[in-house]
């Protein structure tokens, strides 16, 4: 239960972080996030595509259709300048949050 709540607040930041490196299509995003998290994050379509649409509607990413080597067209998502700024802000917020949680979890000294 808690994992889903934590993921809900982090999904869009995780997606921005991955597309900041290179354009990717949906299934590719799912696999890359799963790989980087050693299987901890496993997005389903019901989570992925609504998040991508929110990011696109907010102007943080844009999608473009392109033909793949298999011939099946795929929608590749790329980050925008606004998306890069948003990612930077969210990354700093996350680092501060994680540091504070880590500090509380450590045994008190003194």
N, C-alpha and C. Protein backbone atom coordinates (compact mmCIF):
# COMPACT_ATOMS: atom_id res chain seq x y z
N UNK A 1 0.83 -1.18 0.00
CA UNK A 1 0.00 0.00 0.00
C UNK A 1 0.88 1.25 0.00
N UNK A 2 1.87 1.31 0.86
CA UNK A 2 2.70 2.50 0.95
C UNK A 2 3.52 2.69 -0.32
N UNK A 3 3.96 1.58 -0.93
CA UNK A 3 4.75 1.70 -2.15
C UNK A 3 3.94 2.42 -3.23
N UNK A 4 2.67 2.11 -3.37
CA UNK A 4 1.84 2.77 -4.37
C UNK A 4 1.70 4.26 -4.08
N UNK A 5 1.55 4.62 -2.80
CA UNK A 5 1.44 6.03 -2.44
C UNK A 5 2.72 6.77 -2.73
N UNK A 6 3.86 6.17 -2.43
CA UNK A 6 5.15 6.80 -2.72
C UNK A 6 5.35 6.94 -4.22
N UNK A 7 4.98 5.91 -4.97
CA UNK A 7 5.15 5.94 -6.41
C UNK A 7 4.27 7.02 -7.03
N UNK A 8 3.05 7.15 -6.54
CA UNK A 8 2.12 8.13 -7.09
C UNK A 8 2.73 9.53 -7.06
N UNK A 9 3.44 9.85 -6.01
CA UNK A 9 4.06 11.16 -5.90
C UNK A 9 5.36 11.30 -6.66
N UNK A 10 5.88 10.22 -7.19
CA UNK A 10 7.19 10.23 -7.85
C UNK A 10 7.15 9.86 -9.32
N UNK A 11 6.04 9.34 -9.79
CA UNK A 11 5.95 8.82 -11.16
C UNK A 11 6.41 9.83 -12.19
N UNK A 12 5.88 11.03 -12.13
CA UNK A 12 6.19 12.02 -13.15
C UNK A 12 7.66 12.44 -13.11
N UNK A 13 8.22 12.54 -11.92
CA UNK A 13 9.64 12.88 -11.80
C UNK A 13 10.51 11.78 -12.38
N UNK A 14 10.15 10.52 -12.11
CA UNK A 14 10.92 9.40 -12.66
C UNK A 14 10.86 9.41 -14.19
N UNK A 15 9.69 9.65 -14.74
CA UNK A 15 9.55 9.70 -16.20
C UNK A 15 10.37 10.84 -16.79
N UNK A 16 10.32 12.00 -16.16
CA UNK A 16 11.11 13.14 -16.65
C UNK A 16 12.60 12.82 -16.62
N UNK A 17 13.05 12.17 -15.56
CA UNK A 17 14.47 11.85 -15.43
C UNK A 17 14.94 10.95 -16.56
N UNK A 18 14.11 10.01 -16.96
CA UNK A 18 14.52 9.08 -18.02
C UNK A 18 14.47 9.75 -19.38
N UNK A 19 13.39 10.48 -19.69
CA UNK A 19 13.32 11.11 -21.01
C UNK A 19 14.27 12.30 -21.13
N UNK A 20 14.81 12.77 -20.02
CA UNK A 20 15.81 13.85 -20.09
C UNK A 20 17.08 13.36 -20.77
N UNK A 21 17.32 12.06 -20.73
CA UNK A 21 18.53 11.50 -21.33
C UNK A 21 18.39 11.24 -22.82
N UNK A 22 17.21 10.77 -23.22
CA UNK A 22 16.96 10.54 -24.65
C UNK A 22 15.47 10.27 -24.84
N UNK A 23 14.95 10.56 -26.03
CA UNK A 23 13.54 10.28 -26.30
C UNK A 23 13.27 8.78 -26.21
N UNK A 24 12.12 8.43 -25.64
CA UNK A 24 11.73 7.02 -25.51
C UNK A 24 10.23 6.88 -25.71
N UNK A 25 9.82 5.69 -26.10
CA UNK A 25 8.40 5.39 -26.20
C UNK A 25 7.96 4.67 -24.93
N UNK A 26 6.66 4.53 -24.74
CA UNK A 26 6.11 4.04 -23.49
C UNK A 26 6.71 2.76 -22.94
N UNK A 27 6.70 1.70 -23.73
CA UNK A 27 7.21 0.41 -23.25
C UNK A 27 8.69 0.53 -22.90
N UNK A 28 9.42 1.30 -23.67
CA UNK A 28 10.84 1.52 -23.42
C UNK A 28 11.05 2.22 -22.08
N UNK A 29 10.20 3.20 -21.78
CA UNK A 29 10.26 3.90 -20.49
C UNK A 29 10.03 2.93 -19.33
N UNK A 30 9.00 2.10 -19.47
CA UNK A 30 8.69 1.13 -18.42
C UNK A 30 9.89 0.22 -18.17
N UNK A 31 10.46 -0.31 -19.22
CA UNK A 31 11.59 -1.23 -19.09
C UNK A 31 12.82 -0.55 -18.51
N UNK A 32 13.08 0.68 -18.91
CA UNK A 32 14.26 1.39 -18.42
C UNK A 32 14.13 1.71 -16.93
N UNK A 33 12.96 2.15 -16.51
CA UNK A 33 12.74 2.45 -15.09
C UNK A 33 12.81 1.16 -14.27
N UNK A 34 12.25 0.10 -14.80
CA UNK A 34 12.31 -1.20 -14.13
C UNK A 34 13.76 -1.66 -14.00
N UNK A 35 14.53 -1.51 -15.05
CA UNK A 35 15.94 -1.92 -15.04
C UNK A 35 16.74 -1.11 -14.02
N UNK A 36 16.58 0.20 -14.05
CA UNK A 36 17.35 1.07 -13.16
C UNK A 36 16.99 0.87 -11.69
N UNK A 37 15.75 0.48 -11.43
CA UNK A 37 15.32 0.30 -10.04
C UNK A 37 15.45 -1.15 -9.59
N UNK A 38 16.13 -1.97 -10.41
CA UNK A 38 16.27 -3.40 -10.11
C UNK A 38 14.92 -4.06 -9.86
N UNK A 39 13.92 -3.66 -10.65
CA UNK A 39 12.60 -4.27 -10.57
C UNK A 39 11.68 -3.68 -9.52
N UNK A 40 12.16 -2.70 -8.75
CA UNK A 40 11.33 -2.11 -7.70
C UNK A 40 10.12 -1.40 -8.30
N UNK A 41 10.34 -0.63 -9.37
CA UNK A 41 9.25 0.07 -10.04
C UNK A 41 8.81 -0.72 -11.25
N UNK A 42 7.53 -1.06 -11.28
CA UNK A 42 6.96 -1.78 -12.41
C UNK A 42 5.66 -1.08 -12.80
N UNK A 43 5.78 -0.13 -13.73
CA UNK A 43 4.62 0.64 -14.15
C UNK A 43 3.69 -0.20 -14.99
N UNK A 44 2.43 0.03 -14.82
CA UNK A 44 1.40 -0.57 -15.67
C UNK A 44 0.88 0.53 -16.60
N UNK A 45 0.24 0.14 -17.69
CA UNK A 45 -0.28 1.12 -18.65
C UNK A 45 -1.21 2.12 -17.99
N UNK A 46 -1.99 1.65 -17.01
CA UNK A 46 -2.94 2.52 -16.32
C UNK A 46 -2.27 3.60 -15.50
N UNK A 47 -1.00 3.43 -15.20
CA UNK A 47 -0.21 4.44 -14.49
C UNK A 47 0.60 5.26 -15.48
N UNK A 48 1.23 4.58 -16.42
CA UNK A 48 2.16 5.22 -17.34
C UNK A 48 1.51 6.26 -18.24
N UNK A 49 0.51 5.84 -19.00
CA UNK A 49 -0.02 6.74 -20.03
C UNK A 49 -0.75 7.95 -19.47
N UNK A 50 -1.52 7.83 -18.39
CA UNK A 50 -2.09 9.05 -17.80
C UNK A 50 -1.00 10.02 -17.33
N UNK A 51 0.10 9.50 -16.77
CA UNK A 51 1.20 10.35 -16.33
C UNK A 51 1.86 11.04 -17.52
N UNK A 52 2.07 10.31 -18.60
CA UNK A 52 2.66 10.90 -19.80
C UNK A 52 1.75 11.99 -20.36
N UNK A 53 0.44 11.75 -20.36
CA UNK A 53 -0.50 12.76 -20.85
C UNK A 53 -0.49 14.01 -19.98
N UNK A 54 -0.41 13.82 -18.65
CA UNK A 54 -0.33 14.98 -17.75
C UNK A 54 0.92 15.80 -18.03
N UNK A 55 2.04 15.11 -18.18
CA UNK A 55 3.30 15.80 -18.46
C UNK A 55 3.25 16.54 -19.80
N UNK A 56 2.64 15.90 -20.79
CA UNK A 56 2.53 16.53 -22.11
C UNK A 56 1.60 17.73 -22.05
N UNK A 57 0.46 17.59 -21.37
CA UNK A 57 -0.48 18.70 -21.25
C UNK A 57 0.11 19.88 -20.49
N UNK A 58 1.03 19.59 -19.57
CA UNK A 58 1.69 20.64 -18.79
C UNK A 58 2.86 21.27 -19.56
N UNK A 59 3.17 20.76 -20.73
CA UNK A 59 4.27 21.30 -21.52
C UNK A 59 5.64 20.87 -21.04
N UNK A 60 5.71 19.80 -20.26
CA UNK A 60 6.98 19.33 -19.72
C UNK A 60 7.66 18.30 -20.62
N UNK A 61 6.87 17.63 -21.44
CA UNK A 61 7.38 16.72 -22.47
C UNK A 61 6.56 16.94 -23.73
N UNK A 62 7.05 16.41 -24.83
CA UNK A 62 6.23 16.39 -26.05
C UNK A 62 6.41 15.03 -26.69
N UNK A 63 5.35 14.59 -27.35
CA UNK A 63 5.38 13.29 -28.02
C UNK A 63 5.32 13.47 -29.51
N UNK A 64 6.01 12.61 -30.23
CA UNK A 64 6.01 12.63 -31.68
C UNK A 64 5.99 11.20 -32.19
N UNK A 65 5.16 10.96 -33.16
CA UNK A 65 5.07 9.62 -33.75
C UNK A 65 6.24 9.41 -34.71
N UNK A 66 6.80 8.20 -34.65
CA UNK A 66 7.89 7.83 -35.55
C UNK A 66 7.78 6.35 -35.85
N UNK A 67 8.23 5.97 -37.01
CA UNK A 67 8.24 4.56 -37.38
C UNK A 67 9.41 3.87 -36.70
N UNK A 68 9.14 2.68 -36.22
CA UNK A 68 10.20 1.88 -35.60
C UNK A 68 10.73 0.90 -36.63
N UNK A 69 11.82 0.22 -36.30
CA UNK A 69 12.38 -0.76 -37.21
C UNK A 69 11.40 -1.89 -37.49
N UNK A 70 10.49 -2.14 -36.54
CA UNK A 70 9.49 -3.19 -36.73
C UNK A 70 8.37 -2.72 -37.65
N UNK A 71 8.36 -1.42 -38.00
CA UNK A 71 7.32 -0.89 -38.86
C UNK A 71 6.14 -0.35 -38.10
N UNK A 72 6.01 -0.71 -36.85
CA UNK A 72 4.91 -0.23 -36.01
C UNK A 72 5.22 1.18 -35.53
N UNK A 73 4.39 2.18 -35.84
CA UNK A 73 4.67 3.52 -35.36
C UNK A 73 4.61 3.59 -33.83
N UNK A 74 5.49 4.37 -33.26
CA UNK A 74 5.55 4.53 -31.80
C UNK A 74 5.60 6.02 -31.48
N UNK A 75 5.04 6.36 -30.34
CA UNK A 75 5.08 7.75 -29.88
C UNK A 75 6.28 7.91 -28.95
N UNK A 76 7.26 8.68 -29.41
CA UNK A 76 8.46 8.94 -28.63
C UNK A 76 8.27 10.24 -27.85
N UNK A 77 8.64 10.19 -26.58
CA UNK A 77 8.49 11.35 -25.70
C UNK A 77 9.86 11.96 -25.44
N UNK A 78 9.90 13.29 -25.52
CA UNK A 78 11.13 14.06 -25.27
C UNK A 78 10.81 15.13 -24.23
N UNK A 79 11.83 15.53 -23.50
CA UNK A 79 11.64 16.56 -22.47
C UNK A 79 11.77 17.95 -23.11
N UNK A 80 11.03 18.90 -22.58
CA UNK A 80 11.11 20.29 -23.03
C UNK A 80 12.02 21.08 -22.08
N UNK A 81 12.30 22.33 -22.43
CA UNK A 81 13.08 23.20 -21.53
C UNK A 81 12.35 23.36 -20.20
N UNK A 82 11.04 23.55 -20.26
CA UNK A 82 10.24 23.66 -19.02
C UNK A 82 10.32 22.37 -18.23
N UNK A 83 10.36 21.24 -18.92
CA UNK A 83 10.49 19.94 -18.26
C UNK A 83 11.82 19.80 -17.55
N UNK A 84 12.89 20.28 -18.18
CA UNK A 84 14.21 20.23 -17.55
C UNK A 84 14.24 21.08 -16.27
N UNK A 85 13.63 22.26 -16.34
CA UNK A 85 13.59 23.11 -15.14
C UNK A 85 12.76 22.44 -14.04
N UNK A 86 11.63 21.87 -14.42
CA UNK A 86 10.77 21.18 -13.46
C UNK A 86 11.50 20.00 -12.83
N UNK A 87 12.21 19.23 -13.66
CA UNK A 87 12.97 18.09 -13.17
C UNK A 87 14.04 18.54 -12.18
N UNK A 88 14.71 19.63 -12.47
CA UNK A 88 15.74 20.14 -11.58
C UNK A 88 15.13 20.50 -10.22
N UNK A 89 14.00 21.18 -10.23
CA UNK A 89 13.32 21.56 -8.99
C UNK A 89 12.89 20.33 -8.21
N UNK A 90 12.25 19.39 -8.90
CA UNK A 90 11.75 18.18 -8.24
C UNK A 90 12.89 17.32 -7.72
N UNK A 91 14.00 17.27 -8.45
CA UNK A 91 15.15 16.49 -7.99
C UNK A 91 15.72 17.07 -6.71
N UNK A 92 15.81 18.38 -6.63
CA UNK A 92 16.32 19.02 -5.42
C UNK A 92 15.35 18.81 -4.26
N UNK A 93 14.04 18.90 -4.53
CA UNK A 93 13.05 18.62 -3.48
C UNK A 93 13.20 17.19 -2.97
N UNK A 94 13.40 16.25 -3.89
CA UNK A 94 13.53 14.85 -3.51
C UNK A 94 14.79 14.63 -2.68
N UNK A 95 15.91 15.24 -3.09
CA UNK A 95 17.15 15.09 -2.32
C UNK A 95 16.98 15.63 -0.90
N UNK A 96 16.33 16.78 -0.77
CA UNK A 96 16.10 17.36 0.56
C UNK A 96 15.19 16.46 1.39
N UNK A 97 14.14 15.95 0.77
CA UNK A 97 13.21 15.06 1.46
C UNK A 97 13.91 13.78 1.92
N UNK A 98 14.65 13.16 1.00
CA UNK A 98 15.34 11.91 1.31
C UNK A 98 16.37 12.12 2.43
N UNK A 99 17.07 13.25 2.39
CA UNK A 99 18.04 13.55 3.43
C UNK A 99 17.35 13.70 4.79
N UNK A 100 16.22 14.39 4.81
CA UNK A 100 15.49 14.59 6.07
C UNK A 100 14.97 13.26 6.61
N UNK A 101 14.43 12.41 5.74
CA UNK A 101 13.94 11.09 6.18
C UNK A 101 15.11 10.27 6.71
N UNK A 102 16.21 10.26 5.98
CA UNK A 102 17.39 9.52 6.41
C UNK A 102 17.88 10.00 7.77
N UNK A 103 17.87 11.31 7.98
CA UNK A 103 18.30 11.88 9.26
C UNK A 103 17.41 11.43 10.41
N UNK A 104 16.12 11.36 10.17
CA UNK A 104 15.19 10.92 11.22
C UNK A 104 15.35 9.43 11.50
N UNK A 105 15.63 8.64 10.49
CA UNK A 105 15.75 7.20 10.66
C UNK A 105 17.02 6.80 11.39
N UNK A 106 18.03 7.66 11.40
CA UNK A 106 19.28 7.36 12.08
C UNK A 106 19.10 7.47 13.58
N UNK A 107 19.80 6.65 14.33
CA UNK A 107 19.73 6.77 15.80
C UNK A 107 20.18 8.16 16.23
N UNK A 108 19.53 8.66 17.25
CA UNK A 108 19.89 9.98 17.79
C UNK A 108 21.28 9.94 18.40
N UNK A 109 22.02 10.99 18.18
CA UNK A 109 23.35 11.09 18.79
C UNK A 109 23.33 12.25 19.77
N UNK A 110 23.77 11.97 20.96
CA UNK A 110 23.87 13.05 21.94
C UNK A 110 22.76 13.14 22.90
